[in-house]
Amino acid sequence: MTDRIGQIVRAAAGRDKGGLLCVVGSDREGLLLLADGKRRKIARPKAKKPRHVEPMPEFDHPAIQKLKQGEALSDRELRRALAAFRDQLEV
């Protein structure tokens, strides 16, 4: 599961269906810990089953690399990375 850290996913089920989130970790039960920096802060990520998210294409951004390396990431950096990803999808 740890190899999914830094992956951007789209929620396929639940209240946040259709929203973009970033995998910031996983717990012992196999749930993904997701955050978007706005509604779901990094300090209090949303736990979601892997089958309730759909993986998005790989995205290379300094904030995502920072997260993959295990460094601390701010909510602002995460919001900017997700905004850049949305912009890339629209092009």
N, C-alpha and C. Protein backbone atom coordinates (compact mmCIF):
# COMPACT_ATOMS: atom_id res chain seq x y z
N MET A 1 0.81 -1.21 0.00
CA MET A 1 0.00 0.00 0.00
C MET A 1 0.85 1.27 0.00
N THR A 2 2.03 1.20 0.58
CA THR A 2 2.82 2.42 0.69
C THR A 2 3.26 2.94 -0.67
N ASP A 3 3.25 2.08 -1.70
CA ASP A 3 3.64 2.56 -3.03
C ASP A 3 2.58 3.46 -3.64
N ARG A 4 1.40 3.54 -3.04
CA ARG A 4 0.34 4.41 -3.55
C ARG A 4 0.43 5.83 -2.97
N ILE A 5 1.31 6.04 -2.01
CA ILE A 5 1.44 7.38 -1.43
C ILE A 5 1.88 8.36 -2.53
N GLY A 6 1.19 9.48 -2.59
CA GLY A 6 1.48 10.48 -3.61
C GLY A 6 0.64 10.32 -4.86
N GLN A 7 -0.13 9.25 -4.95
CA GLN A 7 -0.97 9.03 -6.12
C GLN A 7 -2.22 9.90 -6.03
N ILE A 8 -2.62 10.47 -7.13
CA ILE A 8 -3.85 11.25 -7.18
C ILE A 8 -4.97 10.33 -7.63
N VAL A 9 -6.09 10.38 -6.91
CA VAL A 9 -7.23 9.52 -7.20
C VAL A 9 -8.50 10.35 -7.27
N ARG A 10 -9.52 9.79 -7.92
CA ARG A 10 -10.84 10.41 -7.96
C ARG A 10 -11.76 9.53 -7.13
N ALA A 11 -12.52 10.15 -6.22
CA ALA A 11 -13.46 9.40 -5.39
C ALA A 11 -14.58 8.86 -6.27
N ALA A 12 -14.82 7.56 -6.20
CA ALA A 12 -15.84 6.91 -7.02
C ALA A 12 -17.11 6.65 -6.22
N ALA A 13 -17.05 6.86 -4.91
CA ALA A 13 -18.21 6.60 -4.06
C ALA A 13 -18.17 7.52 -2.86
N GLY A 14 -19.34 7.74 -2.29
CA GLY A 14 -19.42 8.53 -1.07
C GLY A 14 -19.78 9.98 -1.32
N ARG A 15 -19.78 10.74 -0.28
CA ARG A 15 -20.15 12.15 -0.33
C ARG A 15 -19.22 12.96 -1.21
N ASP A 16 -17.97 12.57 -1.27
CA ASP A 16 -16.98 13.30 -2.06
C ASP A 16 -16.80 12.72 -3.47
N LYS A 17 -17.80 11.99 -3.96
CA LYS A 17 -17.74 11.35 -5.28
C LYS A 17 -17.40 12.37 -6.36
N GLY A 18 -16.42 12.00 -7.19
CA GLY A 18 -15.99 12.87 -8.28
C GLY A 18 -14.87 13.82 -7.91
N GLY A 19 -14.56 13.95 -6.63
CA GLY A 19 -13.51 14.86 -6.20
C GLY A 19 -12.12 14.27 -6.32
N LEU A 20 -11.14 15.14 -6.55
CA LEU A 20 -9.75 14.70 -6.62
C LEU A 20 -9.13 14.75 -5.24
N LEU A 21 -8.45 13.68 -4.88
CA LEU A 21 -7.78 13.57 -3.59
C LEU A 21 -6.40 12.98 -3.82
N CYS A 22 -5.54 13.14 -2.85
CA CYS A 22 -4.20 12.59 -2.92
C CYS A 22 -4.02 11.57 -1.79
N VAL A 23 -3.41 10.45 -2.11
CA VAL A 23 -3.14 9.42 -1.10
C VAL A 23 -1.98 9.90 -0.25
N VAL A 24 -2.21 10.10 1.05
CA VAL A 24 -1.16 10.57 1.95
C VAL A 24 -0.69 9.47 2.90
N GLY A 25 -1.29 8.28 2.80
CA GLY A 25 -0.88 7.17 3.65
C GLY A 25 -1.89 6.05 3.58
N SER A 26 -1.69 5.05 4.44
CA SER A 26 -2.63 3.94 4.55
C SER A 26 -2.60 3.47 6.00
N ASP A 27 -3.67 2.78 6.40
CA ASP A 27 -3.71 2.29 7.77
C ASP A 27 -3.56 0.77 7.78
N ARG A 28 -3.63 0.20 8.97
CA ARG A 28 -3.40 -1.24 9.11
C ARG A 28 -4.47 -2.10 8.46
N GLU A 29 -5.67 -1.57 8.32
CA GLU A 29 -6.77 -2.35 7.74
C GLU A 29 -6.79 -2.27 6.22
N GLY A 30 -5.82 -1.61 5.61
CA GLY A 30 -5.75 -1.51 4.16
C GLY A 30 -6.51 -0.33 3.59
N LEU A 31 -7.01 0.55 4.43
CA LEU A 31 -7.71 1.74 3.95
C LEU A 31 -6.71 2.78 3.51
N LEU A 32 -7.06 3.53 2.46
CA LEU A 32 -6.22 4.63 2.00
C LEU A 32 -6.56 5.88 2.78
N LEU A 33 -5.58 6.65 3.14
CA LEU A 33 -5.79 7.93 3.81
C LEU A 33 -5.65 9.01 2.76
N LEU A 34 -6.74 9.77 2.55
CA LEU A 34 -6.82 10.73 1.45
C LEU A 34 -7.01 12.15 1.98
N ALA A 35 -6.41 13.11 1.29
CA ALA A 35 -6.55 14.52 1.65
C ALA A 35 -6.59 15.35 0.38
N ASP A 36 -7.25 16.52 0.48
CA ASP A 36 -7.25 17.46 -0.64
C ASP A 36 -6.73 18.83 -0.23
N GLY A 37 -6.43 19.01 1.05
CA GLY A 37 -5.87 20.27 1.52
C GLY A 37 -6.90 21.33 1.85
N LYS A 38 -8.16 21.09 1.49
CA LYS A 38 -9.20 22.07 1.75
C LYS A 38 -10.26 21.47 2.67
N ARG A 39 -11.10 20.60 2.14
CA ARG A 39 -12.12 19.96 2.98
C ARG A 39 -11.49 18.91 3.89
N ARG A 40 -10.53 18.20 3.34
CA ARG A 40 -9.82 17.19 4.11
C ARG A 40 -8.36 17.59 4.22
N LYS A 41 -7.99 18.03 5.40
CA LYS A 41 -6.61 18.47 5.64
C LYS A 41 -5.69 17.25 5.79
N ILE A 42 -4.41 17.49 5.62
CA ILE A 42 -3.43 16.42 5.77
C ILE A 42 -3.40 15.90 7.21
N ALA A 43 -3.67 16.77 8.15
CA ALA A 43 -3.65 16.37 9.56
C ALA A 43 -4.80 15.42 9.91
N ARG A 44 -5.93 15.51 9.16
CA ARG A 44 -7.09 14.64 9.41
C ARG A 44 -7.58 14.05 8.09
N PRO A 45 -6.82 13.12 7.51
CA PRO A 45 -7.19 12.57 6.20
C PRO A 45 -8.43 11.68 6.28
N LYS A 46 -9.08 11.52 5.14
CA LYS A 46 -10.26 10.67 5.00
C LYS A 46 -9.80 9.24 4.74
N ALA A 47 -10.34 8.29 5.47
CA ALA A 47 -10.04 6.88 5.23
C ALA A 47 -11.06 6.32 4.25
N LYS A 48 -10.58 5.70 3.20
CA LYS A 48 -11.48 5.19 2.17
C LYS A 48 -10.95 3.85 1.65
N LYS A 49 -11.84 2.94 1.35
CA LYS A 49 -11.44 1.66 0.80
C LYS A 49 -10.88 1.86 -0.61
N PRO A 50 -9.85 1.10 -0.97
CA PRO A 50 -9.24 1.25 -2.31
C PRO A 50 -10.24 1.06 -3.45
N ARG A 51 -11.24 0.24 -3.27
CA ARG A 51 -12.20 0.01 -4.35
C ARG A 51 -13.15 1.19 -4.55
N HIS A 52 -13.14 2.14 -3.63
CA HIS A 52 -14.01 3.32 -3.74
C HIS A 52 -13.31 4.52 -4.36
N VAL A 53 -12.12 4.29 -4.92
CA VAL A 53 -11.40 5.36 -5.62
C VAL A 53 -10.90 4.82 -6.95
N GLU A 54 -10.76 5.71 -7.92
CA GLU A 54 -10.18 5.31 -9.20
C GLU A 54 -8.88 6.07 -9.40
N PRO A 55 -7.80 5.36 -9.70
CA PRO A 55 -6.50 6.01 -9.87
C PRO A 55 -6.49 6.90 -11.11
N MET A 56 -5.81 8.00 -11.00
CA MET A 56 -5.64 8.94 -12.10
C MET A 56 -4.24 8.75 -12.68
N PRO A 57 -3.97 9.33 -13.86
CA PRO A 57 -2.63 9.19 -14.45
C PRO A 57 -1.55 9.76 -13.53
N GLU A 58 -0.35 9.24 -13.68
CA GLU A 58 0.79 9.73 -12.90
C GLU A 58 0.96 11.22 -13.13
N PHE A 59 1.38 11.91 -12.06
CA PHE A 59 1.57 13.36 -12.14
C PHE A 59 2.84 13.71 -11.40
N ASP A 60 3.72 14.43 -12.07
CA ASP A 60 4.99 14.81 -11.46
C ASP A 60 4.92 16.28 -11.04
N HIS A 61 4.95 16.51 -9.75
CA HIS A 61 4.90 17.86 -9.18
C HIS A 61 5.82 17.86 -7.96
N PRO A 62 6.49 18.97 -7.68
CA PRO A 62 7.40 18.99 -6.52
C PRO A 62 6.72 18.60 -5.20
N ALA A 63 5.47 18.99 -5.01
CA ALA A 63 4.76 18.64 -3.76
C ALA A 63 4.52 17.14 -3.69
N ILE A 64 4.18 16.52 -4.81
CA ILE A 64 3.95 15.07 -4.83
C ILE A 64 5.26 14.33 -4.56
N GLN A 65 6.35 14.81 -5.15
CA GLN A 65 7.66 14.20 -4.90
C GLN A 65 8.04 14.31 -3.43
N LYS A 66 7.74 15.46 -2.85
CA LYS A 66 8.03 15.69 -1.43
C LYS A 66 7.26 14.68 -0.56
N LEU A 67 6.00 14.45 -0.90
CA LEU A 67 5.18 13.50 -0.17
C LEU A 67 5.72 12.08 -0.31
N LYS A 68 6.14 11.71 -1.53
CA LYS A 68 6.68 10.37 -1.77
C LYS A 68 7.97 10.13 -1.00
N GLN A 69 8.74 11.19 -0.78
CA GLN A 69 10.00 11.06 -0.04
C GLN A 69 9.79 11.06 1.47
N GLY A 70 8.55 11.25 1.91
CA GLY A 70 8.25 11.22 3.33
C GLY A 70 8.46 12.54 4.04
N GLU A 71 8.65 13.61 3.29
CA GLU A 71 8.82 14.93 3.90
C GLU A 71 7.47 15.52 4.24
N ALA A 72 7.47 16.48 5.18
CA ALA A 72 6.23 17.15 5.57
C ALA A 72 5.70 17.98 4.42
N LEU A 73 4.40 17.98 4.27
CA LEU A 73 3.74 18.71 3.19
C LEU A 73 2.63 19.56 3.80
N SER A 74 2.52 20.80 3.35
CA SER A 74 1.47 21.67 3.87
C SER A 74 0.20 21.50 3.03
N ASP A 75 -0.92 21.90 3.60
CA ASP A 75 -2.19 21.85 2.88
C ASP A 75 -2.14 22.75 1.65
N ARG A 76 -1.48 23.88 1.77
CA ARG A 76 -1.37 24.82 0.64
C ARG A 76 -0.63 24.15 -0.53
N GLU A 77 0.48 23.47 -0.24
CA GLU A 77 1.23 22.80 -1.30
C GLU A 77 0.38 21.72 -1.97
N LEU A 78 -0.39 20.99 -1.17
CA LEU A 78 -1.24 19.95 -1.73
C LEU A 78 -2.33 20.54 -2.61
N ARG A 79 -2.96 21.62 -2.15
CA ARG A 79 -3.99 22.29 -2.97
C ARG A 79 -3.41 22.75 -4.30
N ARG A 80 -2.22 23.31 -4.28
CA ARG A 80 -1.59 23.79 -5.52
C ARG A 80 -1.25 22.64 -6.46
N ALA A 81 -0.81 21.53 -5.91
CA ALA A 81 -0.50 20.37 -6.75
C ALA A 81 -1.77 19.83 -7.40
N LEU A 82 -2.86 19.74 -6.65
CA LEU A 82 -4.12 19.26 -7.21
C LEU A 82 -4.67 20.24 -8.25
N ALA A 83 -4.51 21.53 -8.02
CA ALA A 83 -4.95 22.54 -9.00
C ALA A 83 -4.15 22.40 -10.30
N ALA A 84 -2.86 22.17 -10.18
CA ALA A 84 -2.02 21.99 -11.37
C ALA A 84 -2.43 20.73 -12.12
N PHE A 85 -2.80 19.68 -11.39
CA PHE A 85 -3.26 18.45 -12.01
C PHE A 85 -4.57 18.68 -12.76
N ARG A 86 -5.50 19.42 -12.14
CA ARG A 86 -6.77 19.74 -12.81
C ARG A 86 -6.52 20.52 -14.10
N ASP A 87 -5.60 21.48 -14.04
CA ASP A 87 -5.27 22.28 -15.22
C ASP A 87 -4.71 21.40 -16.33
N GLN A 88 -3.89 20.43 -15.96
CA GLN A 88 -3.31 19.52 -16.93
C GLN A 88 -4.40 18.67 -17.58
N LEU A 89 -5.42 18.26 -16.82
CA LEU A 89 -6.50 17.44 -17.37
C LEU A 89 -7.33 18.22 -18.37
N GLU A 90 -7.49 19.51 -18.16
CA GLU A 90 -8.34 20.34 -19.03
C GLU A 90 -7.68 20.65 -20.36
N VAL A 91 -6.35 20.57 -20.42
CA VAL A 91 -5.63 20.91 -21.66
C VAL A 91 -5.77 19.84 -22.69
